[in-house]
Amino acid sequence: MEEKKIAENKMGVMPVSKLVFNMSLPIMASMLVQALYNVVDSIFVSRISESALTAVSLAFPMQALMIAVSTGTAVGINALLSRALGAQDPKRAENVALNGVFLAALSFVVFIAIGALVSPVFFRSQTDVEEIVEGGTTYLTICSCISFGLFFGITFERLLQSTGRTLYTMFTQGLGAIINIILDPIMIFGLFGMPRMGVAGAAVATVIGQICGMCLSLFFCLTKNPEVPLNFKGFRPCGELIRDIYLIGIPSIIMQAIGSVMVYGVNRILIPFTTTAATVFGAYFKLQSFVFMPVFGLNNGVIPIVAYNYGARKKSRIMQAFKVSLTTAVCIMVTGTLIFHLMPNWLLALFDASDEMLSIGEPALRIISLSFPMAAVGIVCSGVFQALGNSFLSMIISLARQLVLLLPIAWLLSLSGELGLVWWAFPIAEVFSLLLSIVFFRWTYRRHITPLVDAQPSK
C-alpha cells in the first residue's frame, strides 16, 4: 500500500506546468506575506523611538543566521526526502524526516546558548549607546532562546513540501505572519489592557507567531502527510544521513548568511557619502523582497519536483520544470524592474522619504533593478543544483555575486567620489554571476541530466 502511494505521488505524474504552479503558488503567497510582515514590523518599531528601530535593525544579522541555519538545513532534508520518495524508498524517506527533526532540535539548543551568552557582546561590539544595547539584547535574547517555533516550523513545512502538499505551508506561514502583525501593536504599545512592552513586545509577538505556525505545520504533518510518518519510537540519529543533509544544506546556509555580510559591507561603503544613502539601501532591501520572495517561493516549489523526478529518472520532466520555472521567474523579475523604473518615488514614499532621500533613491532603484532579470536565471539554476545534490555550485554563485564581485566593484566605483556610480555594482556583478550560472548549468546538465532515460513517457 505504501509503495502504491509513493508511485502515484503527483510530482511524478501531474502535468509539469500545472505541477510547478500547484507546488509554488502557495509558497509564493506565504513568502509575500512574510515580506509584508517585515515592512509592517519595521513601521511599528520605528514608532517607539529611533533607538528602538536601530536596536532591532542591529539584531538582523543574528536573526538572519537563525533563518539561514533552519532553512538551509531544511533544503537538505527536502532534497533527500524528495529523492527517496521518487526512488520509492519509504524507509529512507522516514529516516531522513526523523533525522531532520532531530537537527532542528539541535539547532534550537545551539541558539539558546548564543542568545543567552552572546547577545550582550554582539550589541556592544556595534554600539556603545546603552539604550540600543539594552533594547537590542532583550529583543535578540527572546528571539533566540524561544526560537523552537522557527526551527521546528520550517522543518515540518519542508516535510509537507517534499510530498507536494505546499498548500498547507501557505496556511502555516500565513498564520504565523498574520498573528505576528496583529500582536505587534498590542504587545509593543500595550493595547487592550496588555502591558506596554516596547522592543520586548516585538520579540514576543515574533516568537508567538512562529510557535502558532509550528503547531499548525505539525498538525498537518501528522494528519495530512501519510508518506512521511513521524514515529520516533526506537529512533537513533544516523550519522550518514545527517552528513548527507548537511552536504546539501551547508552551502544553502552559507548562501543565505552571506546576505547579512553583503548588507553590512555595502552600508560601510555608502555611509561615507551620506547616511541617507545607507537609508536608501535599507529601504531598497525591504522593497526588493516583494520581487525576490515570489521567485524564491517558486524555486522552493520546484526543488522537490526536480529532486523527485531525478530519483525517478524522468529526464523530460526535470527539463520541463526547469523551463517553466525559468520563464516564470524572468517574467516576475521583469515586472519588478518595470515597477522600480516607473514609480520609484511612490515606493520610497512608503518610508516617508525626504527630498534628499528621493534624489538619491530614485536613480538608485532604477539602476539596481536592472539586475533583477539576470538574478532570476541564477536563482532558478541554483535550485536545480540543490535538487541534484550540487549545492556547492549554488554557494559559489552566491559568494561570487554578493561578496567576491559586488563588494569590490562597489568599493572601486566609490573611489570616483560619485555616489551614483556605486549603484552600478549590482547589475555589473549580476552579469558575471549570470555567465557563471550558465557555465555551471551546462556542466550539471551533461553530468547528471543527460545520462537519464525516462522510465515512462512524460505527461
Protein backbone atom coordinates (compact mmCIF):
# COMPACT_ATOMS: atom_id res chain seq x y z
CA MET A 1 0.00 0.00 0.00
CA GLU A 2 2.81 2.40 0.91
CA GLU A 3 4.62 1.75 -2.37
CA LYS A 4 1.42 2.47 -4.30
CA LYS A 5 1.05 5.85 -2.57
CA ILE A 6 4.58 6.79 -3.44
CA ALA A 7 4.29 5.61 -7.05
CA GLU A 8 1.18 7.77 -7.50
CA ASN A 9 2.68 10.93 -5.99
CA LYS A 10 1.63 13.92 -8.09
CA MET A 11 5.24 15.05 -8.59
CA GLY A 12 5.79 12.08 -10.88
CA VAL A 13 2.53 12.14 -12.86
CA MET A 14 0.86 15.59 -12.83
CA PRO A 15 1.43 17.71 -15.98
CA VAL A 16 4.58 19.68 -15.27
CA SER A 17 3.29 23.20 -15.92
CA LYS A 18 0.32 22.61 -13.63
CA LEU A 19 2.56 20.92 -11.05
CA VAL A 20 5.03 23.81 -10.87
CA PHE A 21 2.29 26.31 -10.04
CA ASN A 22 0.43 23.84 -7.84
CA MET A 23 3.60 23.43 -5.76
CA SER A 24 4.86 27.00 -5.90
CA LEU A 25 1.88 29.36 -5.66
CA PRO A 26 1.12 28.62 -2.00
CA ILE A 27 4.78 29.13 -1.07
CA MET A 28 4.97 32.31 -3.12
CA ALA A 29 1.87 33.66 -1.40
CA SER A 30 3.18 32.84 2.07
CA MET A 31 6.55 34.44 1.32
CA LEU A 32 4.80 37.59 0.13
CA VAL A 33 3.03 37.68 3.49
CA GLN A 34 6.43 37.34 5.15
CA ALA A 35 7.76 40.26 3.09
CA LEU A 36 4.76 42.35 4.10
CA TYR A 37 5.37 41.49 7.73
CA ASN A 38 8.97 42.70 7.54
CA VAL A 39 7.87 46.14 6.35
CA VAL A 40 4.95 46.45 8.78
CA ASP A 41 7.10 45.26 11.70
CA SER A 42 9.66 47.99 11.00
CA ILE A 43 6.92 50.64 10.88
CA PHE A 44 5.59 49.64 14.31
CA VAL A 45 9.02 49.51 15.96
CA SER A 46 10.02 52.87 14.50
CA ARG A 47 7.09 54.47 16.36
CA ILE A 48 8.70 53.62 19.70
CA SER A 49 11.85 55.61 19.01
CA GLU A 50 14.74 55.78 16.57
CA SER A 51 16.91 53.91 19.10
CA ALA A 52 14.36 51.09 19.22
CA LEU A 53 14.41 50.79 15.44
CA THR A 54 18.21 50.81 15.48
CA ALA A 55 18.26 48.05 18.13
CA VAL A 56 16.02 45.79 16.07
CA SER A 57 17.97 46.58 12.90
CA LEU A 58 21.29 45.68 14.52
CA ALA A 59 19.80 42.33 15.53
CA PHE A 60 19.19 41.48 11.85
CA PRO A 61 22.47 39.60 11.18
CA MET A 62 21.86 37.18 14.08
CA GLN A 63 18.22 36.67 13.13
CA ALA A 64 19.28 36.11 9.53
CA LEU A 65 21.75 33.48 10.77
CA MET A 66 18.96 31.60 12.58
CA ILE A 67 16.82 31.66 9.46
CA ALA A 68 19.79 30.61 7.32
CA VAL A 69 20.56 27.61 9.55
CA SER A 70 16.92 26.49 9.71
CA THR A 71 16.06 26.94 6.03
CA GLY A 72 19.45 25.72 4.80
CA THR A 73 19.16 22.51 6.81
CA ALA A 74 15.60 22.15 5.54
CA VAL A 75 16.85 22.38 1.94
CA GLY A 76 19.00 19.30 2.59
CA ILE A 77 16.07 17.49 4.22
CA ASN A 78 13.76 18.46 1.36
CA ALA A 79 16.11 17.30 -1.40
CA LEU A 80 16.97 13.94 0.22
CA LEU A 81 13.37 13.22 1.17
CA SER A 82 12.01 14.02 -2.30
CA ARG A 83 14.72 11.90 -3.89
CA ALA A 84 13.87 8.96 -1.62
CA LEU A 85 10.17 9.28 -2.48
CA GLY A 86 10.98 9.46 -6.18
CA ALA A 87 13.10 6.32 -5.86
CA GLN A 88 10.19 4.62 -4.00
CA ASP A 89 12.21 4.08 -0.81
CA PRO A 90 9.75 4.82 2.06
CA LYS A 91 12.08 3.66 4.82
CA ARG A 92 14.83 6.05 3.81
CA ALA A 93 12.29 8.85 3.44
CA GLU A 94 11.09 8.30 7.02
CA ASN A 95 14.66 8.20 8.35
CA VAL A 96 15.50 11.47 6.56
CA ALA A 97 12.46 13.13 8.13
CA LEU A 98 13.25 11.92 11.66
CA ASN A 99 16.87 12.98 11.45
CA GLY A 100 15.75 16.34 10.09
CA VAL A 101 13.53 16.94 13.13
CA PHE A 102 16.45 15.93 15.36
CA LEU A 103 18.68 18.51 13.66
CA ALA A 104 16.01 21.17 14.22
CA ALA A 105 16.11 20.40 17.97
CA LEU A 106 19.91 20.51 17.95
CA SER A 107 19.94 23.89 16.18
CA PHE A 108 17.48 25.28 18.71
CA VAL A 109 19.73 24.25 21.62
CA VAL A 110 22.73 25.93 19.97
CA PHE A 111 20.87 29.22 19.57
CA ILE A 112 19.64 29.13 23.16
CA ALA A 113 23.29 29.29 24.17
CA ILE A 114 24.04 32.01 21.61
CA GLY A 115 21.07 34.09 22.69
CA ALA A 116 21.85 33.85 26.39
CA LEU A 117 25.62 34.29 26.21
CA VAL A 118 26.44 36.21 23.03
CA SER A 119 23.66 38.80 22.70
CA PRO A 120 25.17 41.49 25.00
CA VAL A 121 28.62 41.11 23.46
CA PHE A 122 27.14 41.16 19.98
CA PHE A 123 25.46 44.53 20.52
CA ARG A 124 28.33 46.14 22.44
CA SER A 125 30.60 45.29 19.51
CA GLN A 126 28.41 47.53 17.33
CA THR A 127 27.47 50.46 19.57
CA ASP A 128 28.06 51.98 23.00
CA VAL A 129 24.63 53.63 23.25
CA GLU A 130 23.18 51.96 26.34
CA GLU A 131 19.54 52.27 25.25
CA ILE A 132 20.28 50.47 21.99
CA VAL A 133 22.38 47.79 23.72
CA GLU A 134 19.73 47.07 26.36
CA GLY A 135 16.80 47.05 23.92
CA GLY A 136 18.64 45.00 21.32
CA THR A 137 19.92 42.47 23.87
CA THR A 138 16.41 41.94 25.21
CA TYR A 139 14.97 41.58 21.71
CA LEU A 140 17.62 39.15 20.48
CA THR A 141 17.66 37.07 23.67
CA ILE A 142 13.90 36.48 23.44
CA CYS A 143 14.04 35.66 19.70
CA SER A 144 16.96 33.24 20.18
CA CYS A 145 16.01 31.47 23.40
CA ILE A 146 12.41 30.86 22.26
CA SER A 147 13.28 30.01 18.66
CA PHE A 148 11.94 26.44 18.68
CA GLY A 149 8.89 27.65 16.75
CA LEU A 150 11.17 28.87 13.97
CA PHE A 151 13.33 25.74 13.70
CA PHE A 152 10.61 23.08 14.03
CA GLY A 153 8.11 25.10 11.99
CA ILE A 154 10.39 25.39 8.97
CA THR A 155 11.33 21.69 9.21
CA PHE A 156 7.72 20.50 9.33
CA GLU A 157 6.83 22.80 6.42
CA ARG A 158 9.59 21.25 4.30
CA LEU A 159 8.28 17.76 5.07
CA LEU A 160 4.95 18.86 3.62
CA GLN A 161 6.62 20.46 0.59
CA SER A 162 8.62 17.29 -0.10
CA THR A 163 5.42 15.34 -0.72
CA GLY A 164 3.81 18.09 -2.79
CA ARG A 165 1.50 19.45 -0.07
CA THR A 166 2.59 23.06 -0.41
CA LEU A 167 -0.93 24.44 0.09
CA TYR A 168 -0.66 23.61 3.78
CA THR A 169 2.59 25.56 4.10
CA MET A 170 0.77 28.65 2.86
CA PHE A 171 -1.58 28.31 5.82
CA THR A 172 1.18 27.71 8.35
CA GLN A 173 3.43 30.57 7.26
CA GLY A 174 0.48 32.87 6.69
CA LEU A 175 -0.89 32.14 10.16
CA GLY A 176 2.44 32.90 11.83
CA ALA A 177 2.94 36.15 9.93
CA ILE A 178 -0.63 37.39 10.45
CA ILE A 179 -0.56 36.66 14.18
CA ASN A 180 2.79 38.47 14.37
CA ILE A 181 1.36 41.53 12.62
CA ILE A 182 -1.74 41.57 14.86
CA LEU A 183 0.24 41.14 18.10
CA ASP A 184 2.95 43.69 17.25
CA PRO A 185 0.97 46.84 18.15
CA ILE A 186 -0.77 45.08 21.06
CA MET A 187 2.49 43.93 22.66
CA ILE A 188 4.59 46.97 21.77
CA PHE A 189 2.16 49.71 22.79
CA GLY A 190 0.13 47.87 25.45
CA LEU A 191 -3.28 47.84 23.78
CA PHE A 192 -6.43 46.11 25.12
CA GLY A 193 -5.12 46.01 28.68
CA MET A 194 -1.77 44.44 27.84
CA PRO A 195 1.35 45.95 29.45
CA ARG A 196 3.42 48.24 27.22
CA MET A 197 6.48 46.09 26.42
CA GLY A 198 8.26 48.17 23.78
CA VAL A 199 11.02 46.33 21.90
CA ALA A 200 10.48 43.22 24.04
CA GLY A 201 6.87 43.18 22.82
CA ALA A 202 8.05 43.00 19.21
CA ALA A 203 10.16 39.95 20.10
CA VAL A 204 7.31 38.27 22.00
CA ALA A 205 4.94 38.84 19.06
CA THR A 206 7.53 37.31 16.74
CA VAL A 207 8.03 34.09 18.73
CA ILE A 208 4.29 33.65 19.38
CA GLY A 209 3.67 33.87 15.64
CA GLN A 210 6.41 31.31 14.99
CA ILE A 211 5.02 28.91 17.60
CA CYS A 212 1.48 29.14 16.18
CA GLY A 213 2.79 28.42 12.68
CA MET A 214 4.82 25.48 14.01
CA CYS A 215 1.82 23.94 15.79
CA LEU A 216 -0.28 24.10 12.64
CA SER A 217 2.50 22.63 10.49
CA LEU A 218 2.96 19.75 12.97
CA PHE A 219 -0.79 19.09 12.89
CA PHE A 220 -0.72 18.91 9.08
CA CYS A 221 2.33 16.62 9.13
CA LEU A 222 0.62 14.19 11.49
CA THR A 223 -2.79 14.21 9.79
CA LYS A 224 -2.23 15.06 6.11
CA ASN A 225 1.20 13.61 5.25
CA PRO A 226 0.98 9.78 5.43
CA GLU A 227 4.01 9.26 3.16
CA VAL A 228 6.29 10.64 5.87
CA PRO A 229 5.25 9.20 9.25
CA LEU A 230 6.90 10.78 12.30
CA ASN A 231 7.35 7.80 14.61
CA PHE A 232 10.26 8.38 16.99
CA LYS A 233 9.93 5.03 18.78
CA GLY A 234 13.41 3.48 18.79
CA PHE A 235 14.87 6.43 16.87
CA ARG A 236 18.63 6.93 16.84
CA PRO A 237 20.44 9.69 14.91
CA CYS A 238 22.07 8.42 11.71
CA GLY A 239 25.47 9.99 11.10
CA GLU A 240 25.40 9.15 7.38
CA LEU A 241 22.03 10.81 6.80
CA ILE A 242 22.99 13.84 8.88
CA ARG A 243 26.15 14.17 6.81
CA ASP A 244 24.16 13.93 3.56
CA ILE A 245 21.65 16.53 4.79
CA TYR A 246 24.41 18.98 5.63
CA LEU A 247 26.35 18.29 2.41
CA ILE A 248 23.34 19.78 0.63
CA GLY A 249 22.28 22.17 3.36
CA ILE A 250 25.53 23.86 4.41
CA PRO A 251 26.07 25.62 1.06
CA SER A 252 22.50 26.90 1.32
CA ILE A 253 23.17 28.09 4.89
CA ILE A 254 26.26 29.93 3.70
CA MET A 255 24.41 31.42 0.72
CA GLN A 256 21.75 32.92 2.96
CA ALA A 257 24.14 34.02 5.69
CA ILE A 258 26.40 35.98 3.34
CA GLY A 259 23.48 38.30 2.57
CA SER A 260 23.98 39.85 6.00
CA VAL A 261 27.67 40.34 5.31
CA MET A 262 26.83 41.95 1.97
CA VAL A 263 24.40 44.43 3.56
CA TYR A 264 26.96 45.34 6.21
CA GLY A 265 29.69 45.83 3.60
CA VAL A 266 27.56 47.96 1.28
CA ASN A 267 26.50 50.16 4.19
CA ARG A 268 30.13 50.71 5.12
CA ILE A 269 30.79 51.88 1.54
CA LEU A 270 27.72 54.15 1.41
CA ILE A 271 27.87 55.87 4.80
CA PRO A 272 30.98 57.98 3.99
CA PHE A 273 28.93 59.64 1.22
CA THR A 274 25.91 60.31 3.44
CA THR A 275 23.88 58.35 5.96
CA THR A 276 20.88 58.92 3.70
CA ALA A 277 22.50 56.66 1.11
CA ALA A 278 22.53 53.84 3.64
CA THR A 279 18.89 54.63 4.46
CA VAL A 280 18.04 54.35 0.76
CA PHE A 281 19.76 50.97 0.56
CA GLY A 282 17.84 49.78 3.61
CA ALA A 283 14.58 50.87 2.01
CA TYR A 284 15.55 49.16 -1.25
CA PHE A 285 16.36 45.94 0.59
CA LYS A 286 12.87 45.81 2.07
CA LEU A 287 11.19 46.74 -1.22
CA GLN A 288 13.08 44.21 -3.31
CA SER A 289 11.79 41.40 -1.09
CA PHE A 290 8.38 41.83 -2.76
CA VAL A 291 10.05 40.92 -6.08
CA PHE A 292 12.53 38.30 -4.91
CA MET A 293 10.29 36.46 -2.42
CA PRO A 294 7.91 35.15 -5.12
CA VAL A 295 10.90 33.90 -7.12
CA PHE A 296 12.37 32.22 -4.06
CA GLY A 297 8.95 30.70 -3.38
CA LEU A 298 8.81 29.44 -6.96
CA ASN A 299 12.27 27.96 -6.51
CA ASN A 300 11.33 26.23 -3.25
CA GLY A 301 8.39 24.64 -5.02
CA VAL A 302 10.47 23.44 -7.96
CA ILE A 303 13.33 21.90 -5.94
CA PRO A 304 11.30 18.87 -4.73
CA ILE A 305 9.87 18.42 -8.25
CA VAL A 306 13.34 18.20 -9.77
CA ALA A 307 14.64 16.04 -6.91
CA TYR A 308 11.69 13.64 -7.11
CA ASN A 309 11.93 13.19 -10.87
CA TYR A 310 15.70 12.85 -10.65
CA GLY A 311 15.14 9.98 -8.22
CA ALA A 312 12.55 8.58 -10.63
CA ARG A 313 14.96 9.13 -13.58
CA LYS A 314 12.48 11.21 -15.58
CA LYS A 315 14.68 13.48 -17.65
CA SER A 316 11.97 15.23 -19.66
CA ARG A 317 10.01 16.22 -16.54
CA ILE A 318 13.14 17.72 -14.99
CA MET A 319 13.76 19.87 -18.04
CA GLN A 320 10.13 20.90 -18.36
CA ALA A 321 10.13 22.01 -14.72
CA PHE A 322 13.31 23.99 -15.30
CA LYS A 323 11.93 25.77 -18.39
CA VAL A 324 8.59 26.64 -16.76
CA SER A 325 10.26 27.96 -13.61
CA LEU A 326 12.86 29.96 -15.56
CA THR A 327 10.22 31.60 -17.76
CA THR A 328 8.05 32.45 -14.76
CA ALA A 329 10.95 33.80 -12.71
CA VAL A 330 12.15 36.06 -15.53
CA CYS A 331 8.61 37.41 -16.04
CA ILE A 332 8.32 38.24 -12.33
CA MET A 333 11.69 39.97 -12.32
CA VAL A 334 10.98 41.97 -15.47
CA THR A 335 7.73 43.16 -13.88
CA GLY A 336 9.71 44.18 -10.79
CA THR A 337 12.20 46.09 -12.90
CA LEU A 338 9.39 47.99 -14.62
CA ILE A 339 7.78 48.91 -11.29
CA PHE A 340 11.08 50.14 -9.86
CA HIS A 341 11.71 52.17 -13.02
CA LEU A 342 8.25 53.71 -13.36
CA MET A 343 7.38 54.52 -9.75
CA PRO A 344 10.47 54.71 -7.51
CA ASN A 345 9.11 57.85 -5.84
CA TRP A 346 5.91 56.04 -4.83
CA LEU A 347 7.91 53.14 -3.42
CA LEU A 348 10.14 55.39 -1.34
CA ALA A 349 7.13 57.35 -0.11
CA LEU A 350 6.20 54.26 1.92
CA PHE A 351 9.12 55.20 4.17
CA ASP A 352 8.16 58.90 4.36
CA ALA A 353 11.20 59.76 2.23
CA SER A 354 12.72 63.23 2.45
CA ASP A 355 13.69 65.25 -0.63
CA GLU A 356 17.30 64.15 -0.20
CA MET A 357 16.28 60.51 0.09
CA LEU A 358 14.18 60.81 -3.06
CA SER A 359 17.00 62.46 -5.01
CA ILE A 360 19.36 59.63 -4.08
CA GLY A 361 16.83 56.82 -4.08
CA GLU A 362 15.06 57.27 -7.40
CA PRO A 363 18.14 56.71 -9.60
CA ALA A 364 19.39 54.03 -7.19
CA LEU A 365 16.22 51.94 -7.51
CA ARG A 366 16.20 52.30 -11.29
CA ILE A 367 19.85 51.21 -11.64
CA ILE A 368 19.81 48.33 -9.15
CA SER A 369 16.60 46.88 -10.58
CA LEU A 370 18.36 46.29 -13.91
CA SER A 371 19.93 43.26 -12.22
CA PHE A 372 16.58 41.59 -11.44
CA PRO A 373 16.05 39.57 -14.68
CA MET A 374 19.64 38.29 -14.60
CA ALA A 375 19.24 37.31 -10.94
CA ALA A 376 16.22 35.18 -11.93
CA VAL A 377 18.44 32.90 -14.02
CA GLY A 378 20.91 32.43 -11.18
CA ILE A 379 18.18 31.65 -8.64
CA VAL A 380 16.48 29.03 -10.84
CA CYS A 381 19.80 27.39 -11.76
CA SER A 382 20.80 27.32 -8.10
CA GLY A 383 17.57 25.50 -7.30
CA VAL A 384 18.37 22.81 -9.87
CA PHE A 385 21.88 22.43 -8.45
CA GLN A 386 20.48 21.96 -4.94
CA ALA A 387 17.88 19.43 -6.06
CA LEU A 388 20.55 17.34 -7.79
CA GLY A 389 22.89 17.44 -4.79
CA ASN A 390 25.29 20.10 -6.15
CA SER A 391 24.59 22.84 -3.61
CA PHE A 392 28.27 23.74 -3.65
CA LEU A 393 27.76 25.26 -7.11
CA SER A 394 24.92 27.39 -5.76
CA MET A 395 27.17 28.57 -2.95
CA ILE A 396 29.90 29.60 -5.40
CA ILE A 397 27.41 31.65 -7.44
CA SER A 398 26.05 33.37 -4.35
CA LEU A 399 29.51 34.10 -2.98
CA ALA A 400 30.62 35.49 -6.33
CA ARG A 401 27.59 37.73 -6.72
CA GLN A 402 27.32 39.13 -3.20
CA LEU A 403 30.87 39.18 -1.89
CA VAL A 404 33.62 38.34 -4.36
CA LEU A 405 32.22 40.59 -7.10
CA LEU A 406 29.72 43.05 -5.65
CA LEU A 407 31.65 44.50 -2.73
CA PRO A 408 34.98 45.02 -4.53
CA ILE A 409 33.22 46.55 -7.56
CA ALA A 410 31.16 48.84 -5.32
CA TRP A 411 34.30 49.91 -3.43
CA LEU A 412 36.23 50.62 -6.64
CA LEU A 413 33.35 52.68 -8.03
CA SER A 414 33.11 54.59 -4.74
CA LEU A 415 36.69 55.79 -5.21
CA SER A 416 35.39 58.02 -8.00
CA GLY A 417 33.59 60.09 -5.38
CA GLU A 418 30.32 59.70 -7.31
CA LEU A 419 27.61 58.02 -5.28
CA GLY A 420 25.53 57.33 -8.39
CA LEU A 421 28.24 55.06 -9.78
CA VAL A 422 28.17 52.76 -6.75
CA TRP A 423 24.70 51.51 -7.62
CA TRP A 424 26.03 50.12 -10.92
CA ALA A 425 27.96 47.50 -8.94
CA PHE A 426 24.72 45.48 -8.67
CA PRO A 427 23.99 44.95 -12.39
CA ILE A 428 27.71 44.57 -13.17
CA ALA A 429 28.13 41.83 -10.56
CA GLU A 430 24.95 40.15 -11.82
CA VAL A 431 26.31 39.93 -15.38
CA PHE A 432 29.29 37.90 -14.18
CA SER A 433 27.02 35.80 -11.97
CA LEU A 434 24.77 35.07 -14.96
CA LEU A 435 27.70 33.82 -17.02
CA LEU A 436 28.85 31.62 -14.14
CA SER A 437 25.35 30.18 -13.72
CA ILE A 438 25.21 29.24 -17.41
CA VAL A 439 28.61 27.52 -17.27
CA PHE A 440 27.65 25.54 -14.15
CA PHE A 441 24.28 24.54 -15.59
CA ARG A 442 25.88 23.19 -18.77
CA TRP A 443 28.23 21.09 -16.63
CA THR A 444 25.37 19.87 -14.41
CA TYR A 445 23.25 19.01 -17.44
CA ARG A 446 25.98 16.90 -19.01
CA ARG A 447 26.89 15.14 -15.77
CA HIS A 448 23.51 14.49 -14.16
CA ILE A 449 20.64 15.02 -16.59
CA THR A 450 21.96 13.74 -19.96
CA PRO A 451 22.55 10.17 -18.69
CA LEU A 452 18.93 9.85 -17.56
CA VAL A 453 16.43 7.89 -19.65
CA ASP A 454 12.75 8.39 -18.92
CA ALA A 455 11.37 5.38 -17.12
CA GLN A 456 7.98 6.11 -18.70
CA PRO A 457 6.57 8.69 -21.11
CA SER A 458 6.35 12.15 -19.58
CA LYS A 459 2.96 13.67 -19.07
